[in-house]
């Protein structure tokens, strides 16, 4: 899997900077840098509630930092997450 570089300016840079200022979000990205995981597994490994982990995952997905796909699970659908970005660059002068 080839990871892309995300180059940001202005408002998008601020949004990503805010998300990356969260220790939990950075821990999720670190986990996903090693392997694909479902939300339930992320929650267990970081000792979070599934609802809280799911909210964090949604923010990371919305900003394009992770990709999400869905797969059948034991009880319903699993949300599978993978890292989408290997590098984030904030451009100050364009």
PDB file of N, CA and C in Angstrom:
ATOM      1  N   UNK A   1       0.850  -1.175   0.000  1.00  0.00           N
ATOM      2  CA  UNK A   1       0.000   0.000   0.000  1.00  0.00           C
ATOM      3  C   UNK A   1       0.894   1.236   0.000  1.00  0.00           C
ATOM      4  N   UNK A   2       0.678   2.081  -0.971  1.00  0.00           N
ATOM      5  CA  UNK A   2       1.440   3.318  -1.072  1.00  0.00           C
ATOM      6  C   UNK A   2       0.672   4.441  -0.386  1.00  0.00           C
ATOM      7  N   UNK A   3       1.314   5.069   0.592  1.00  0.00           N
ATOM      8  CA  UNK A   3       0.664   6.152   1.327  1.00  0.00           C
ATOM      9  C   UNK A   3       0.948   7.478   0.657  1.00  0.00           C
ATOM     10  N   UNK A   4      -0.038   8.341   0.631  1.00  0.00           N
ATOM     11  CA  UNK A   4       0.122   9.631  -0.024  1.00  0.00           C
ATOM     12  C   UNK A   4       0.592  10.690   0.967  1.00  0.00           C
ATOM     13  N   UNK A   5       1.033  11.801   0.408  1.00  0.00           N
ATOM     14  CA  UNK A   5       1.389  12.966   1.212  1.00  0.00           C
ATOM     15  C   UNK A   5       0.220  13.938   1.146  1.00  0.00           C
ATOM     16  N   UNK A   6      -0.149  14.476   2.268  1.00  0.00           N
ATOM     17  CA  UNK A   6      -1.235  15.436   2.351  1.00  0.00           C
ATOM     18  C   UNK A   6      -0.626  16.811   2.573  1.00  0.00           C
ATOM     19  N   UNK A   7      -0.792  17.720   1.582  1.00  0.00           N
ATOM     20  CA  UNK A   7      -0.288  19.095   1.699  1.00  0.00           C
ATOM     21  C   UNK A   7      -1.468  20.005   1.988  1.00  0.00           C
ATOM     22  N   UNK A   8      -1.327  20.801   3.040  1.00  0.00           N
ATOM     23  CA  UNK A   8      -2.438  21.617   3.503  1.00  0.00           C
ATOM     24  C   UNK A   8      -2.043  23.073   3.688  1.00  0.00           C
ATOM     25  N   UNK A   9      -3.021  23.935   3.484  1.00  0.00           N
ATOM     26  CA  UNK A   9      -2.854  25.358   3.785  1.00  0.00           C
ATOM     27  C   UNK A   9      -4.114  25.849   4.496  1.00  0.00           C
ATOM     28  N   UNK A  10      -4.018  27.000   5.091  1.00  0.00           N
ATOM     29  CA  UNK A  10      -5.150  27.722   5.663  1.00  0.00           C
ATOM     30  C   UNK A  10      -6.029  26.881   6.586  1.00  0.00           C
ATOM     31  N   UNK A  11      -7.343  26.908   6.331  1.00  0.00           N
ATOM     32  CA  UNK A  11      -8.315  26.277   7.236  1.00  0.00           C
ATOM     33  C   UNK A  11      -8.117  24.764   7.352  1.00  0.00           C
ATOM     34  N   UNK A  12      -7.816  24.110   6.247  1.00  0.00           N
ATOM     35  CA  UNK A  12      -7.613  22.656   6.306  1.00  0.00           C
ATOM     36  C   UNK A  12      -6.404  22.324   7.178  1.00  0.00           C
ATOM     37  N   UNK A  13      -5.365  23.129   7.096  1.00  0.00           N
ATOM     38  CA  UNK A  13      -4.183  22.914   7.936  1.00  0.00           C
ATOM     39  C   UNK A  13      -4.543  23.051   9.405  1.00  0.00           C
ATOM     40  N   UNK A  14      -5.378  24.048   9.734  1.00  0.00           N
ATOM     41  CA  UNK A  14      -5.805  24.237  11.120  1.00  0.00           C
ATOM     42  C   UNK A  14      -6.622  23.052  11.615  1.00  0.00           C
ATOM     43  N   UNK A  15      -7.517  22.546  10.780  1.00  0.00           N
ATOM     44  CA  UNK A  15      -8.343  21.399  11.161  1.00  0.00           C
ATOM     45  C   UNK A  15      -7.477  20.174  11.463  1.00  0.00           C
ATOM     46  N   UNK A  16      -6.520  19.909  10.585  1.00  0.00           N
ATOM     47  CA  UNK A  16      -5.651  18.749  10.783  1.00  0.00           C
ATOM     48  C   UNK A  16      -4.749  18.954  11.997  1.00  0.00           C
ATOM     49  N   UNK A  17      -4.246  20.154  12.178  1.00  0.00           N
ATOM     50  CA  UNK A  17      -3.403  20.437  13.344  1.00  0.00           C
ATOM     51  C   UNK A  17      -4.178  20.203  14.641  1.00  0.00           C
ATOM     52  N   UNK A  18      -5.442  20.614  14.680  1.00  0.00           N
ATOM     53  CA  UNK A  18      -6.270  20.388  15.875  1.00  0.00           C
ATOM     54  C   UNK A  18      -6.451  18.898  16.139  1.00  0.00           C
ATOM     55  N   UNK A  19      -6.718  18.149  15.088  1.00  0.00           N
ATOM     56  CA  UNK A  19      -6.924  16.708  15.243  1.00  0.00           C
ATOM     57  C   UNK A  19      -5.630  16.031  15.690  1.00  0.00           C
ATOM     58  N   UNK A  20      -4.498  16.469  15.152  1.00  0.00           N
ATOM     59  CA  UNK A  20      -3.218  15.863  15.516  1.00  0.00           C
ATOM     60  C   UNK A  20      -2.733  16.308  16.895  1.00  0.00           C
ATOM     61  N   UNK A  21      -3.364  17.316  17.467  1.00  0.00           N
ATOM     62  CA  UNK A  21      -2.985  17.733  18.816  1.00  0.00           C
ATOM     63  C   UNK A  21      -3.588  16.809  19.874  1.00  0.00           C
ATOM     64  N   UNK A  22      -4.474  15.921  19.458  1.00  0.00           N
ATOM     65  CA  UNK A  22      -5.073  14.944  20.367  1.00  0.00           C
ATOM     66  C   UNK A  22      -4.179  13.711  20.467  1.00  0.00           C
ATOM     67  N   UNK A  23      -3.752  13.404  21.672  1.00  0.00           N
ATOM     68  CA  UNK A  23      -2.910  12.226  21.887  1.00  0.00           C
ATOM     69  C   UNK A  23      -3.616  10.952  21.426  1.00  0.00           C
ATOM     70  N   UNK A  24      -4.905  10.871  21.659  1.00  0.00           N
ATOM     71  CA  UNK A  24      -5.662   9.682  21.251  1.00  0.00           C
ATOM     72  C   UNK A  24      -5.659   9.521  19.741  1.00  0.00           C
ATOM     73  N   UNK A  25      -5.872  10.614  19.006  1.00  0.00           N
ATOM     74  CA  UNK A  25      -5.850  10.534  17.546  1.00  0.00           C
ATOM     75  C   UNK A  25      -4.492  10.083  17.026  1.00  0.00           C
ATOM     76  N   UNK A  26      -3.430  10.596  17.621  1.00  0.00           N
ATOM     77  CA  UNK A  26      -2.082  10.202  17.201  1.00  0.00           C
ATOM     78  C   UNK A  26      -1.844   8.719  17.509  1.00  0.00           C
ATOM     79  N   UNK A  27      -2.349   8.244  18.635  1.00  0.00           N
ATOM     80  CA  UNK A  27      -2.214   6.822  18.975  1.00  0.00           C
ATOM     81  C   UNK A  27      -2.963   5.947  17.977  1.00  0.00           C
ATOM     82  N   UNK A  28      -4.140   6.394  17.555  1.00  0.00           N
ATOM     83  CA  UNK A  28      -4.898   5.637  16.548  1.00  0.00           C
ATOM     84  C   UNK A  28      -4.121   5.575  15.246  1.00  0.00           C
ATOM     85  N   UNK A  29      -3.576   6.705  14.807  1.00  0.00           N
ATOM     86  CA  UNK A  29      -2.775   6.722  13.578  1.00  0.00           C
ATOM     87  C   UNK A  29      -1.560   5.807  13.696  1.00  0.00           C
ATOM     88  N   UNK A  30      -0.932   5.806  14.858  1.00  0.00           N
ATOM     89  CA  UNK A  30       0.226   4.938  15.079  1.00  0.00           C
ATOM     90  C   UNK A  30      -0.175   3.463  14.967  1.00  0.00           C
ATOM     91  N   UNK A  31      -1.283   3.082  15.580  1.00  0.00           N
ATOM     92  CA  UNK A  31      -1.762   1.705  15.467  1.00  0.00           C
ATOM     93  C   UNK A  31      -2.013   1.330  14.007  1.00  0.00           C
ATOM     94  N   UNK A  32      -2.651   2.243  13.287  1.00  0.00           N
ATOM     95  CA  UNK A  32      -2.997   1.967  11.894  1.00  0.00           C
ATOM     96  C   UNK A  32      -1.788   2.006  10.970  1.00  0.00           C
ATOM     97  N   UNK A  33      -0.681   2.569  11.431  1.00  0.00           N
ATOM     98  CA  UNK A  33       0.539   2.560  10.606  1.00  0.00           C
ATOM     99  C   UNK A  33       1.137   1.155  10.538  1.00  0.00           C
ATOM    100  N   UNK A  34       0.709   0.298  11.456  1.00  0.00           N
ATOM    101  CA  UNK A  34       1.238  -1.069  11.515  1.00  0.00           C
ATOM    102  C   UNK A  34       0.322  -2.086  10.847  1.00  0.00           C
ATOM    103  N   UNK A  35      -1.011  -1.852  10.926  1.00  0.00           N
ATOM    104  CA  UNK A  35      -1.966  -2.823  10.384  1.00  0.00           C
ATOM    105  C   UNK A  35      -3.361  -2.212  10.298  1.00  0.00           C
ATOM    106  N   UNK A  36      -4.200  -2.836   9.486  1.00  0.00           N
ATOM    107  CA  UNK A  36      -5.600  -2.456   9.431  1.00  0.00           C
ATOM    108  C   UNK A  36      -6.288  -2.987  10.681  1.00  0.00           C
ATOM    109  N   UNK A  37      -7.176  -2.188  11.251  1.00  0.00           N
ATOM    110  CA  UNK A  37      -7.893  -2.600  12.451  1.00  0.00           C
ATOM    111  C   UNK A  37      -9.340  -2.138  12.371  1.00  0.00           C
ATOM    112  N   UNK A  38     -10.223  -2.891  13.032  1.00  0.00           N
ATOM    113  CA  UNK A  38     -11.592  -2.419  13.138  1.00  0.00           C
ATOM    114  C   UNK A  38     -11.729  -1.538  14.377  1.00  0.00           C
ATOM    115  N   UNK A  39     -12.809  -0.779  14.436  1.00  0.00           N
ATOM    116  CA  UNK A  39     -13.012   0.180  15.522  1.00  0.00           C
ATOM    117  C   UNK A  39     -13.010  -0.511  16.881  1.00  0.00           C
ATOM    118  N   UNK A  40     -13.602  -1.685  16.950  1.00  0.00           N
ATOM    119  CA  UNK A  40     -13.658  -2.429  18.208  1.00  0.00           C
ATOM    120  C   UNK A  40     -12.256  -2.766  18.722  1.00  0.00           C
ATOM    121  N   UNK A  41     -11.391  -3.184  17.835  1.00  0.00           N
ATOM    122  CA  UNK A  41     -10.018  -3.525  18.210  1.00  0.00           C
ATOM    123  C   UNK A  41      -9.240  -2.276  18.627  1.00  0.00           C
ATOM    124  N   UNK A  42      -9.433  -1.181  17.915  1.00  0.00           N
ATOM    125  CA  UNK A  42      -8.790   0.083  18.291  1.00  0.00           C
ATOM    126  C   UNK A  42      -9.210   0.462  19.703  1.00  0.00           C
ATOM    127  N   UNK A  43     -10.504   0.388  19.967  1.00  0.00           N
ATOM    128  CA  UNK A  43     -11.030   0.739  21.292  1.00  0.00           C
ATOM    129  C   UNK A  43     -10.415  -0.143  22.379  1.00  0.00           C
ATOM    130  N   UNK A  44     -10.344  -1.440  22.131  1.00  0.00           N
ATOM    131  CA  UNK A  44      -9.773  -2.363  23.126  1.00  0.00           C
ATOM    132  C   UNK A  44      -8.303  -2.071  23.386  1.00  0.00           C
ATOM    133  N   UNK A  45      -7.539  -1.877  22.332  1.00  0.00           N
ATOM    134  CA  UNK A  45      -6.099  -1.659  22.498  1.00  0.00           C
ATOM    135  C   UNK A  45      -5.786  -0.343  23.217  1.00  0.00           C
ATOM    136  N   UNK A  46      -6.620   0.661  23.006  1.00  0.00           N
ATOM    137  CA  UNK A  46      -6.380   1.957  23.639  1.00  0.00           C
ATOM    138  C   UNK A  46      -7.215   2.160  24.899  1.00  0.00           C
ATOM    139  N   UNK A  47      -7.958   1.119  25.277  1.00  0.00           N
ATOM    140  CA  UNK A  47      -8.804   1.173  26.475  1.00  0.00           C
ATOM    141  C   UNK A  47      -9.798   2.335  26.411  1.00  0.00           C
ATOM    142  N   UNK A  48     -10.517   2.405  25.278  1.00  0.00           N
ATOM    143  CA  UNK A  48     -11.528   3.429  25.040  1.00  0.00           C
ATOM    144  C   UNK A  48     -12.878   2.753  24.849  1.00  0.00           C
ATOM    145  N   UNK A  49     -13.944   3.509  24.986  1.00  0.00           N
ATOM    146  CA  UNK A  49     -15.255   2.967  24.627  1.00  0.00           C
ATOM    147  C   UNK A  49     -15.322   2.906  23.101  1.00  0.00           C
ATOM    148  N   UNK A  50     -16.129   1.981  22.588  1.00  0.00           N
ATOM    149  CA  UNK A  50     -16.262   1.879  21.134  1.00  0.00           C
ATOM    150  C   UNK A  50     -16.877   3.147  20.545  1.00  0.00           C
ATOM    151  N   UNK A  51     -17.799   3.753  21.265  1.00  0.00           N
ATOM    152  CA  UNK A  51     -18.435   4.983  20.776  1.00  0.00           C
ATOM    153  C   UNK A  51     -17.408   6.113  20.652  1.00  0.00           C
ATOM    154  N   UNK A  52     -16.546   6.247  21.648  1.00  0.00           N
ATOM    155  CA  UNK A  52     -15.519   7.292  21.628  1.00  0.00           C
ATOM    156  C   UNK A  52     -14.522   7.033  20.495  1.00  0.00           C
ATOM    157  N   UNK A  53     -14.080   5.783  20.364  1.00  0.00           N
ATOM    158  CA  UNK A  53     -13.137   5.423  19.294  1.00  0.00           C
ATOM    159  C   UNK A  53     -13.767   5.662  17.930  1.00  0.00           C
ATOM    160  N   UNK A  54     -15.038   5.344  17.787  1.00  0.00           N
ATOM    161  CA  UNK A  54     -15.733   5.547  16.523  1.00  0.00           C
ATOM    162  C   UNK A  54     -15.800   7.032  16.164  1.00  0.00           C
ATOM    163  N   UNK A  55     -16.025   7.875  17.143  1.00  0.00           N
ATOM    164  CA  UNK A  55     -16.041   9.319  16.906  1.00  0.00           C
ATOM    165  C   UNK A  55     -14.692   9.829  16.448  1.00  0.00           C
ATOM    166  N   UNK A  56     -13.638   9.341  17.085  1.00  0.00           N
ATOM    167  CA  UNK A  56     -12.277   9.740  16.700  1.00  0.00           C
ATOM    168  C   UNK A  56     -11.969   9.271  15.273  1.00  0.00           C
ATOM    169  N   UNK A  57     -12.351   8.036  14.971  1.00  0.00           N
ATOM    170  CA  UNK A  57     -12.126   7.480  13.633  1.00  0.00           C
ATOM    171  C   UNK A  57     -12.867   8.306  12.584  1.00  0.00           C
ATOM    172  N   UNK A  58     -14.079   8.708  12.881  1.00  0.00           N
ATOM    173  CA  UNK A  58     -14.855   9.513  11.925  1.00  0.00           C
ATOM    174  C   UNK A  58     -14.165  10.837  11.619  1.00  0.00           C
ATOM    175  N   UNK A  59     -13.597  11.485  12.638  1.00  0.00           N
ATOM    176  CA  UNK A  59     -12.874  12.744  12.412  1.00  0.00           C
ATOM    177  C   UNK A  59     -11.640  12.510  11.543  1.00  0.00           C
ATOM    178  N   UNK A  60     -10.902  11.446  11.818  1.00  0.00           N
ATOM    179  CA  UNK A  60      -9.701  11.140  11.032  1.00  0.00           C
ATOM    180  C   UNK A  60     -10.061  10.818   9.588  1.00  0.00           C
ATOM    181  N   UNK A  61     -11.172  10.113   9.396  1.00  0.00           N
ATOM    182  CA  UNK A  61     -11.625   9.783   8.045  1.00  0.00           C
ATOM    183  C   UNK A  61     -12.068  11.042   7.295  1.00  0.00           C
ATOM    184  N   UNK A  62     -12.821  11.885   7.969  1.00  0.00           N
ATOM    185  CA  UNK A  62     -13.331  13.108   7.342  1.00  0.00           C
ATOM    186  C   UNK A  62     -12.197  13.991   6.814  1.00  0.00           C
ATOM    187  N   UNK A  63     -11.078  14.003   7.512  1.00  0.00           N
ATOM    188  CA  UNK A  63      -9.930  14.812   7.099  1.00  0.00           C
ATOM    189  C   UNK A  63      -9.019  14.085   6.106  1.00  0.00           C
ATOM    190  N   UNK A  64      -9.347  12.842   5.764  1.00  0.00           N
ATOM    191  CA  UNK A  64      -8.562  12.098   4.781  1.00  0.00           C
ATOM    192  C   UNK A  64      -7.302  11.461   5.327  1.00  0.00           C
ATOM    193  N   UNK A  65      -7.186  11.370   6.649  1.00  0.00           N
ATOM    194  CA  UNK A  65      -5.994  10.763   7.241  1.00  0.00           C
ATOM    195  C   UNK A  65      -6.076   9.238   7.278  1.00  0.00           C
ATOM    196  N   UNK A  66      -7.293   8.715   7.302  1.00  0.00           N
ATOM    197  CA  UNK A  66      -7.479   7.261   7.250  1.00  0.00           C
ATOM    198  C   UNK A  66      -8.568   6.934   6.234  1.00  0.00           C
ATOM    199  N   UNK A  67      -8.559   5.695   5.760  1.00  0.00           N
ATOM    200  CA  UNK A  67      -9.613   5.170   4.893  1.00  0.00           C
ATOM    201  C   UNK A  67     -10.410   4.158   5.694  1.00  0.00           C
ATOM    202  N   UNK A  68     -11.691   4.098   5.436  1.00  0.00           N
ATOM    203  CA  UNK A  68     -12.573   3.176   6.136  1.00  0.00           C
ATOM    204  C   UNK A  68     -13.311   2.323   5.114  1.00  0.00           C
ATOM    205  N   UNK A  69     -13.406   1.041   5.406  1.00  0.00           N
ATOM    206  CA  UNK A  69     -14.218   0.132   4.602  1.00  0.00           C
ATOM    207  C   UNK A  69     -15.062  -0.703   5.564  1.00  0.00           C
ATOM    208  N   UNK A  70     -15.994  -1.416   5.034  1.00  0.00           N
ATOM    209  CA  UNK A  70     -16.900  -2.196   5.872  1.00  0.00           C
ATOM    210  C   UNK A  70     -16.833  -3.664   5.485  1.00  0.00           C
ATOM    211  N   UNK A  71     -16.934  -4.539   6.502  1.00  0.00           N
ATOM    212  CA  UNK A  71     -16.889  -5.975   6.290  1.00  0.00           C
ATOM    213  C   UNK A  71     -17.862  -6.644   7.260  1.00  0.00           C
ATOM    214  N   UNK A  72     -18.376  -7.815   6.879  1.00  0.00           N
ATOM    215  CA  UNK A  72     -19.265  -8.519   7.799  1.00  0.00           C
ATOM    216  C   UNK A  72     -18.522  -8.909   9.078  1.00  0.00           C
ATOM    217  N   UNK A  73     -19.218  -8.823  10.189  1.00  0.00           N
ATOM    218  CA  UNK A  73     -18.643  -9.214  11.478  1.00  0.00           C
ATOM    219  C   UNK A  73     -19.499 -10.274  12.132  1.00  0.00           C
ATOM    220  N   UNK A  74     -19.133 -10.659  13.344  1.00  0.00           N
ATOM    221  CA  UNK A  74     -19.915 -11.663  14.070  1.00  0.00           C
ATOM    222  C   UNK A  74     -21.307 -11.149  14.376  1.00  0.00           C
ATOM    223  N   UNK A  75     -21.399  -9.866  14.727  1.00  0.00           N
ATOM    224  CA  UNK A  75     -22.691  -9.254  15.052  1.00  0.00           C
ATOM    225  C   UNK A  75     -22.859  -7.979  14.245  1.00  0.00           C
ATOM    226  N   UNK A  76     -23.149  -8.090  12.977  1.00  0.00           N
ATOM    227  CA  UNK A  76     -23.346  -6.910  12.145  1.00  0.00           C
ATOM    228  C   UNK A  76     -22.149  -6.592  11.270  1.00  0.00           C
ATOM    229  N   UNK A  77     -21.968  -5.318  11.035  1.00  0.00           N
ATOM    230  CA  UNK A  77     -20.917  -4.837  10.132  1.00  0.00           C
ATOM    231  C   UNK A  77     -19.738  -4.288  10.937  1.00  0.00           C
ATOM    232  N   UNK A  78     -18.519  -4.636  10.494  1.00  0.00           N
ATOM    233  CA  UNK A  78     -17.296  -4.104  11.111  1.00  0.00           C
ATOM    234  C   UNK A  78     -16.790  -2.936  10.273  1.00  0.00           C
ATOM    235  N   UNK A  79     -16.322  -1.897  10.953  1.00  0.00           N
ATOM    236  CA  UNK A  79     -15.727  -0.737  10.294  1.00  0.00           C
ATOM    237  C   UNK A  79     -14.217  -0.937  10.332  1.00  0.00           C
ATOM    238  N   UNK A  80     -13.627  -1.219   9.177  1.00  0.00           N
ATOM    239  CA  UNK A  80     -12.196  -1.500   9.068  1.00  0.00           C
ATOM    240  C   UNK A  80     -11.460  -0.211   8.687  1.00  0.00           C
ATOM    241  N   UNK A  81     -10.418   0.110   9.436  1.00  0.00           N
ATOM    242  CA  UNK A  81      -9.675   1.351   9.232  1.00  0.00           C
ATOM    243  C   UNK A  81      -8.253   1.053   8.772  1.00  0.00           C
ATOM    244  N   UNK A  82      -7.744   1.908   7.894  1.00  0.00           N
ATOM    245  CA  UNK A  82      -6.351   1.813   7.479  1.00  0.00           C
ATOM    246  C   UNK A  82      -5.797   3.215   7.273  1.00  0.00           C
ATOM    247  N   UNK A  83      -4.520   3.351   7.475  1.00  0.00           N
ATOM    248  CA  UNK A  83      -3.846   4.629   7.310  1.00  0.00           C
ATOM    249  C   UNK A  83      -3.892   5.036   5.840  1.00  0.00           C
ATOM    250  N   UNK A  84      -4.212   6.282   5.563  1.00  0.00           N
ATOM    251  CA  UNK A  84      -4.279   6.779   4.182  1.00  0.00           C
ATOM    252  C   UNK A  84      -3.124   7.702   3.845  1.00  0.00           C
ATOM    253  N   UNK A  85      -2.509   8.292   4.869  1.00  0.00           N
ATOM    254  CA  UNK A  85      -1.491   9.321   4.667  1.00  0.00           C
ATOM    255  C   UNK A  85      -0.222   8.932   5.421  1.00  0.00           C
ATOM    256  N   UNK A  86       0.894   9.027   4.734  1.00  0.00           N
ATOM    257  CA  UNK A  86       2.170   8.750   5.375  1.00  0.00           C
ATOM    258  C   UNK A  86       2.897  10.005   5.807  1.00  0.00           C
ATOM    259  N   UNK A  87       2.445  11.136   5.270  1.00  0.00           N
ATOM    260  CA  UNK A  87       3.125  12.396   5.565  1.00  0.00           C
ATOM    261  C   UNK A  87       2.132  13.541   5.443  1.00  0.00           C
ATOM    262  N   UNK A  88       2.174  14.461   6.406  1.00  0.00           N
ATOM    263  CA  UNK A  88       1.344  15.662   6.368  1.00  0.00           C
ATOM    264  C   UNK A  88       2.273  16.864   6.323  1.00  0.00           C
ATOM    265  N   UNK A  89       2.068  17.710   5.321  1.00  0.00           N
ATOM    266  CA  UNK A  89       2.873  18.916   5.171  1.00  0.00           C
ATOM    267  C   UNK A  89       1.958  20.124   5.243  1.00  0.00           C
ATOM    268  N   UNK A  90       2.312  21.064   6.119  1.00  0.00           N
ATOM    269  CA  UNK A  90       1.555  22.302   6.205  1.00  0.00           C
ATOM    270  C   UNK A  90       2.354  23.378   5.479  1.00  0.00           C
ATOM    271  N   UNK A  91       1.747  23.942   4.456  1.00  0.00           N
ATOM    272  CA  UNK A  91       2.388  24.952   3.621  1.00  0.00           C
ATOM    273  C   UNK A  91       2.023  26.322   4.165  1.00  0.00           C
ATOM    274  N   UNK A  92       3.035  27.081   4.590  1.00  0.00           N
ATOM    275  CA  UNK A  92       2.799  28.398   5.153  1.00  0.00           C
ATOM    276  C   UNK A  92       2.836  29.462   4.055  1.00  0.00           C
ATOM    277  N   UNK A  93       3.784  29.368   3.155  1.00  0.00           N
ATOM    278  CA  UNK A  93       3.896  30.345   2.070  1.00  0.00           C
ATOM    279  C   UNK A  93       3.680  29.627   0.753  1.00  0.00           C
ATOM    280  N   UNK A  94       2.720  30.117  -0.007  1.00  0.00           N
ATOM    281  CA  UNK A  94       2.442  29.492  -1.312  1.00  0.00           C
ATOM    282  C   UNK A  94       2.953  30.326  -2.451  1.00  0.00           C
TER     283      UNK A  94
END
